[in-house]
Amino acid sequence: DKSADIRASFGGFNVPIEIKRSCH
């Protein structure tokens, strides 16, 4: 139940996109 900031997906394949600010 962990969530990446964005999940891009196409045809069963997906790419997690994790986002941070430079001050995190």
PDB file of all heavy atoms in Angstrom:
ATOM      1  N   ASP A   1       0.801  -1.234   0.000  1.00  0.00           N
ATOM      2  CA  ASP A   1       0.000   0.000   0.000  1.00  0.00           C
ATOM      3  C   ASP A   1       0.829   1.277   0.000  1.00  0.00           C
ATOM      4  O   ASP A   1       0.431   2.298   0.549  1.00  0.00           O
ATOM      5  CB  ASP A   1      -0.984   0.017   1.177  1.00  0.00           C
ATOM      6  CG  ASP A   1      -2.073  -1.024   1.017  1.00  0.00           C
ATOM      7  OD1 ASP A   1      -2.479  -1.276  -0.133  1.00  0.00           O
ATOM      8  OD2 ASP A   1      -2.510  -1.586   2.036  1.00  0.00           O
ATOM      9  N   LYS A   2       1.993   1.240  -0.629  1.00  0.00           N
ATOM     10  CA  LYS A   2       2.846   2.418  -0.772  1.00  0.00           C
ATOM     11  C   LYS A   2       2.503   3.100  -2.084  1.00  0.00           C
ATOM     12  O   LYS A   2       2.182   2.437  -3.075  1.00  0.00           O
ATOM     13  CB  LYS A   2       4.330   2.038  -0.741  1.00  0.00           C
ATOM     14  CG  LYS A   2       4.751   1.335   0.527  1.00  0.00           C
ATOM     15  CD  LYS A   2       4.600   2.252   1.722  1.00  0.00           C
ATOM     16  CE  LYS A   2       5.019   1.557   2.991  1.00  0.00           C
ATOM     17  NZ  LYS A   2       4.738   2.305   4.177  1.00  0.00           N
ATOM     18  N   SER A   3       2.584   4.414  -2.099  1.00  0.00           N
ATOM     19  CA  SER A   3       2.183   5.170  -3.286  1.00  0.00           C
ATOM     20  C   SER A   3       3.307   6.046  -3.821  1.00  0.00           C
ATOM     21  O   SER A   3       3.849   6.872  -3.084  1.00  0.00           O
ATOM     22  CB  SER A   3       0.989   6.069  -2.965  1.00  0.00           C
ATOM     23  OG  SER A   3      -0.125   5.315  -2.587  1.00  0.00           O
ATOM     24  N   ALA A   4       3.630   5.865  -5.096  1.00  0.00           N
ATOM     25  CA  ALA A   4       4.543   6.774  -5.781  1.00  0.00           C
ATOM     26  C   ALA A   4       3.743   8.028  -6.129  1.00  0.00           C
ATOM     27  O   ALA A   4       2.520   7.976  -6.257  1.00  0.00           O
ATOM     28  CB  ALA A   4       5.093   6.131  -7.045  1.00  0.00           C
ATOM     29  N   ASP A   5       4.416   9.141  -6.309  1.00  0.00           N
ATOM     30  CA  ASP A   5       3.709  10.393  -6.575  1.00  0.00           C
ATOM     31  C   ASP A   5       2.923  10.349  -7.888  1.00  0.00           C
ATOM     32  O   ASP A   5       1.836  10.891  -7.978  1.00  0.00           O
ATOM     33  CB  ASP A   5       4.697  11.561  -6.578  1.00  0.00           C
ATOM     34  CG  ASP A   5       5.229  11.824  -5.186  1.00  0.00           C
ATOM     35  OD1 ASP A   5       4.415  12.106  -4.293  1.00  0.00           O
ATOM     36  OD2 ASP A   5       6.447  11.727  -4.984  1.00  0.00           O
ATOM     37  N   ILE A   6       3.502   9.714  -8.911  1.00  0.00           N
ATOM     38  CA  ILE A   6       2.821   9.556 -10.200  1.00  0.00           C
ATOM     39  C   ILE A   6       3.069   8.133 -10.695  1.00  0.00           C
ATOM     40  O   ILE A   6       4.151   7.581 -10.516  1.00  0.00           O
ATOM     41  CB  ILE A   6       3.336  10.560 -11.257  1.00  0.00           C
ATOM     42  CG1 ILE A   6       3.056  11.999 -10.822  1.00  0.00           C
ATOM     43  CG2 ILE A   6       2.720  10.285 -12.635  1.00  0.00           C
ATOM     44  CD1 ILE A   6       3.653  13.062 -11.743  1.00  0.00           C
ATOM     45  N   ARG A   7       2.060   7.570 -11.310  1.00  0.00           N
ATOM     46  CA  ARG A   7       2.191   6.259 -11.949  1.00  0.00           C
ATOM     47  C   ARG A   7       1.829   6.449 -13.418  1.00  0.00           C
ATOM     48  O   ARG A   7       0.687   6.752 -13.754  1.00  0.00           O
ATOM     49  CB  ARG A   7       1.249   5.260 -11.296  1.00  0.00           C
ATOM     50  CG  ARG A   7       1.307   3.871 -11.901  1.00  0.00           C
ATOM     51  CD  ARG A   7       0.246   2.979 -11.239  1.00  0.00           C
ATOM     52  NE  ARG A   7       0.289   1.645 -11.748  1.00  0.00           N
ATOM     53  CZ  ARG A   7       0.481   0.568 -11.010  1.00  0.00           C
ATOM     54  NH1 ARG A   7       0.654   0.694  -9.704  1.00  0.00           N
ATOM     55  NH2 ARG A   7       0.493  -0.620 -11.555  1.00  0.00           N
ATOM     56  N   ALA A   8       2.818   6.280 -14.286  1.00  0.00           N
ATOM     57  CA  ALA A   8       2.581   6.348 -15.730  1.00  0.00           C
ATOM     58  C   ALA A   8       2.479   4.924 -16.235  1.00  0.00           C
ATOM     59  O   ALA A   8       3.321   4.078 -15.889  1.00  0.00           O
ATOM     60  CB  ALA A   8       3.730   7.071 -16.417  1.00  0.00           C
ATOM     61  N   SER A   9       1.449   4.631 -17.040  1.00  0.00           N
ATOM     62  CA  SER A   9       1.266   3.242 -17.471  1.00  0.00           C
ATOM     63  C   SER A   9       0.780   3.151 -18.912  1.00  0.00           C
ATOM     64  O   SER A   9       0.109   4.044 -19.422  1.00  0.00           O
ATOM     65  CB  SER A   9       0.282   2.524 -16.545  1.00  0.00           C
ATOM     66  OG  SER A   9      -0.955   3.180 -16.512  1.00  0.00           O
ATOM     67  N   PHE A  10       1.170   2.026 -19.521  1.00  0.00           N
ATOM     68  CA  PHE A  10       0.793   1.743 -20.901  1.00  0.00           C
ATOM     69  C   PHE A  10       0.866   0.239 -21.113  1.00  0.00           C
ATOM     70  O   PHE A  10       1.900  -0.383 -20.863  1.00  0.00           O
ATOM     71  CB  PHE A  10       1.747   2.440 -21.876  1.00  0.00           C
ATOM     72  CG  PHE A  10       1.471   2.130 -23.320  1.00  0.00           C
ATOM     73  CD1 PHE A  10       0.473   2.797 -24.007  1.00  0.00           C
ATOM     74  CD2 PHE A  10       2.196   1.156 -23.979  1.00  0.00           C
ATOM     75  CE1 PHE A  10       0.197   2.506 -25.333  1.00  0.00           C
ATOM     76  CE2 PHE A  10       1.932   0.852 -25.309  1.00  0.00           C
ATOM     77  CZ  PHE A  10       0.932   1.532 -25.989  1.00  0.00           C
ATOM     78  N   GLY A  11      -0.231  -0.364 -21.535  1.00  0.00           N
ATOM     79  CA  GLY A  11      -0.250  -1.776 -21.895  1.00  0.00           C
ATOM     80  C   GLY A  11       0.275  -2.724 -20.836  1.00  0.00           C
ATOM     81  O   GLY A  11       0.999  -3.665 -21.150  1.00  0.00           O
ATOM     82  N   GLY A  12      -0.062  -2.486 -19.578  1.00  0.00           N
ATOM     83  CA  GLY A  12       0.367  -3.370 -18.509  1.00  0.00           C
ATOM     84  C   GLY A  12       1.728  -3.034 -17.911  1.00  0.00           C
ATOM     85  O   GLY A  12       2.126  -3.588 -16.898  1.00  0.00           O
ATOM     86  N   PHE A  13       2.463  -2.144 -18.555  1.00  0.00           N
ATOM     87  CA  PHE A  13       3.763  -1.700 -18.044  1.00  0.00           C
ATOM     88  C   PHE A  13       3.559  -0.365 -17.356  1.00  0.00           C
ATOM     89  O   PHE A  13       2.783   0.464 -17.819  1.00  0.00           O
ATOM     90  CB  PHE A  13       4.760  -1.556 -19.202  1.00  0.00           C
ATOM     91  CG  PHE A  13       6.119  -1.066 -18.786  1.00  0.00           C
ATOM     92  CD1 PHE A  13       7.002  -1.894 -18.114  1.00  0.00           C
ATOM     93  CD2 PHE A  13       6.516   0.226 -19.061  1.00  0.00           C
ATOM     94  CE1 PHE A  13       8.253  -1.451 -17.728  1.00  0.00           C
ATOM     95  CE2 PHE A  13       7.757   0.690 -18.681  1.00  0.00           C
ATOM     96  CZ  PHE A  13       8.631  -0.155 -18.018  1.00  0.00           C
ATOM     97  N   ASN A  14       4.225  -0.149 -16.226  1.00  0.00           N
ATOM     98  CA  ASN A  14       4.086   1.142 -15.559  1.00  0.00           C
ATOM     99  C   ASN A  14       5.423   1.629 -15.034  1.00  0.00           C
ATOM    100  O   ASN A  14       6.342   0.841 -14.806  1.00  0.00           O
ATOM    101  CB  ASN A  14       3.030   1.078 -14.451  1.00  0.00           C
ATOM    102  CG  ASN A  14       3.487   0.302 -13.249  1.00  0.00           C
ATOM    103  OD1 ASN A  14       4.181   0.842 -12.396  1.00  0.00           O
ATOM    104  ND2 ASN A  14       3.114  -0.976 -13.165  1.00  0.00           N
ATOM    105  N   VAL A  15       5.512   2.934 -14.880  1.00  0.00           N
ATOM    106  CA  VAL A  15       6.726   3.570 -14.376  1.00  0.00           C
ATOM    107  C   VAL A  15       6.344   4.442 -13.185  1.00  0.00           C
ATOM    108  O   VAL A  15       5.576   5.392 -13.338  1.00  0.00           O
ATOM    109  CB  VAL A  15       7.409   4.432 -15.465  1.00  0.00           C
ATOM    110  CG1 VAL A  15       8.639   5.143 -14.898  1.00  0.00           C
ATOM    111  CG2 VAL A  15       7.788   3.586 -16.663  1.00  0.00           C
ATOM    112  N   PRO A  16       6.876   4.119 -11.996  1.00  0.00           N
ATOM    113  CA  PRO A  16       6.637   4.988 -10.854  1.00  0.00           C
ATOM    114  C   PRO A  16       7.515   6.227 -10.947  1.00  0.00           C
ATOM    115  O   PRO A  16       8.687   6.147 -11.336  1.00  0.00           O
ATOM    116  CB  PRO A  16       7.046   4.120  -9.660  1.00  0.00           C
ATOM    117  CG  PRO A  16       8.019   3.143 -10.209  1.00  0.00           C
ATOM    118  CD  PRO A  16       7.645   2.922 -11.650  1.00  0.00           C
ATOM    119  N   ILE A  17       6.939   7.369 -10.600  1.00  0.00           N
ATOM    120  CA  ILE A  17       7.667   8.628 -10.596  1.00  0.00           C
ATOM    121  C   ILE A  17       7.588   9.182  -9.172  1.00  0.00           C
ATOM    122  O   ILE A  17       6.500   9.508  -8.693  1.00  0.00           O
ATOM    123  CB  ILE A  17       7.083   9.639 -11.605  1.00  0.00           C
ATOM    124  CG1 ILE A  17       7.109   9.044 -13.022  1.00  0.00           C
ATOM    125  CG2 ILE A  17       7.840  10.959 -11.541  1.00  0.00           C
ATOM    126  CD1 ILE A  17       6.380   9.881 -14.064  1.00  0.00           C
ATOM    127  N   GLU A  18       8.730   9.243  -8.518  1.00  0.00           N
ATOM    128  CA  GLU A  18       8.802   9.792  -7.165  1.00  0.00           C
ATOM    129  C   GLU A  18       9.296  11.229  -7.259  1.00  0.00           C
ATOM    130  O   GLU A  18      10.230  11.523  -8.009  1.00  0.00           O
ATOM    131  CB  GLU A  18       9.737   8.957  -6.293  1.00  0.00           C
ATOM    132  CG  GLU A  18       9.846   9.434  -4.863  1.00  0.00           C
ATOM    133  CD  GLU A  18       8.525   9.470  -4.101  1.00  0.00           C
ATOM    134  OE1 GLU A  18       7.560   8.752  -4.467  1.00  0.00           O
ATOM    135  OE2 GLU A  18       8.437  10.233  -3.132  1.00  0.00           O
ATOM    136  N   ILE A  19       8.650  12.125  -6.503  1.00  0.00           N
ATOM    137  CA  ILE A  19       8.945  13.551  -6.585  1.00  0.00           C
ATOM    138  C   ILE A  19       9.341  14.083  -5.208  1.00  0.00           C
ATOM    139  O   ILE A  19       8.718  13.735  -4.201  1.00  0.00           O
ATOM    140  CB  ILE A  19       7.715  14.328  -7.101  1.00  0.00           C
ATOM    141  CG1 ILE A  19       7.359  13.868  -8.514  1.00  0.00           C
ATOM    142  CG2 ILE A  19       7.961  15.833  -7.049  1.00  0.00           C
ATOM    143  CD1 ILE A  19       6.050  14.427  -9.036  1.00  0.00           C
ATOM    144  N   LYS A  20      10.343  14.941  -5.201  1.00  0.00           N
ATOM    145  CA  LYS A  20      10.749  15.651  -3.988  1.00  0.00           C
ATOM    146  C   LYS A  20      11.068  17.100  -4.348  1.00  0.00           C
ATOM    147  O   LYS A  20      11.477  17.392  -5.464  1.00  0.00           O
ATOM    148  CB  LYS A  20      11.998  15.023  -3.359  1.00  0.00           C
ATOM    149  CG  LYS A  20      11.794  13.634  -2.798  1.00  0.00           C
ATOM    150  CD  LYS A  20      10.918  13.667  -1.569  1.00  0.00           C
ATOM    151  CE  LYS A  20      10.694  12.284  -0.999  1.00  0.00           C
ATOM    152  NZ  LYS A  20       9.300  11.913  -0.911  1.00  0.00           N
ATOM    153  N   ARG A  21      10.893  17.986  -3.376  1.00  0.00           N
ATOM    154  CA  ARG A  21      11.376  19.355  -3.521  1.00  0.00           C
ATOM    155  C   ARG A  21      12.838  19.371  -3.086  1.00  0.00           C
ATOM    156  O   ARG A  21      13.256  18.542  -2.280  1.00  0.00           O
ATOM    157  CB  ARG A  21      10.554  20.327  -2.669  1.00  0.00           C
ATOM    158  CG  ARG A  21       9.105  20.393  -3.094  1.00  0.00           C
ATOM    159  CD  ARG A  21       8.301  21.457  -2.384  1.00  0.00           C
ATOM    160  NE  ARG A  21       8.595  21.552  -0.962  1.00  0.00           N
ATOM    161  CZ  ARG A  21       8.355  22.638  -0.231  1.00  0.00           C
ATOM    162  NH1 ARG A  21       7.819  23.712  -0.776  1.00  0.00           N
ATOM    163  NH2 ARG A  21       8.630  22.662   1.049  1.00  0.00           N
ATOM    164  N   SER A  22      13.600  20.328  -3.573  1.00  0.00           N
ATOM    165  CA  SER A  22      15.034  20.383  -3.274  1.00  0.00           C
ATOM    166  C   SER A  22      15.327  20.618  -1.801  1.00  0.00           C
ATOM    167  O   SER A  22      16.444  20.412  -1.351  1.00  0.00           O
ATOM    168  CB  SER A  22      15.716  21.458  -4.121  1.00  0.00           C
ATOM    169  OG  SER A  22      15.094  22.717  -3.966  1.00  0.00           O
ATOM    170  N   CYS A  23      14.332  21.003  -1.026  1.00  0.00           N
ATOM    171  CA  CYS A  23      14.522  21.232   0.403  1.00  0.00           C
ATOM    172  C   CYS A  23      13.961  20.100   1.263  1.00  0.00           C
ATOM    173  O   CYS A  23      13.962  20.190   2.491  1.00  0.00           O
ATOM    174  CB  CYS A  23      13.882  22.563   0.814  1.00  0.00           C
ATOM    175  SG  CYS A  23      12.131  22.697   0.384  1.00  0.00           S
ATOM    176  N   HIS A  24      13.508  19.018   0.651  1.00  0.00           N
ATOM    177  CA  HIS A  24      12.923  17.916   1.429  1.00  0.00           C
ATOM    178  C   HIS A  24      13.997  17.228   2.263  1.00  0.00           C
ATOM    179  O   HIS A  24      15.086  16.935   1.785  1.00  0.00           O
ATOM    180  CB  HIS A  24      12.255  16.918   0.479  1.00  0.00           C
ATOM    181  CG  HIS A  24      11.346  15.971   1.186  1.00  0.00           C
ATOM    182  ND1 HIS A  24      11.812  14.903   1.916  1.00  0.00           N
ATOM    183  CD2 HIS A  24       9.999  15.932   1.275  1.00  0.00           C
ATOM    184  CE1 HIS A  24      10.784  14.245   2.426  1.00  0.00           C
ATOM    185  NE2 HIS A  24       9.670  14.858   2.050  1.00  0.00           N
TER     186      HIS A  24
END
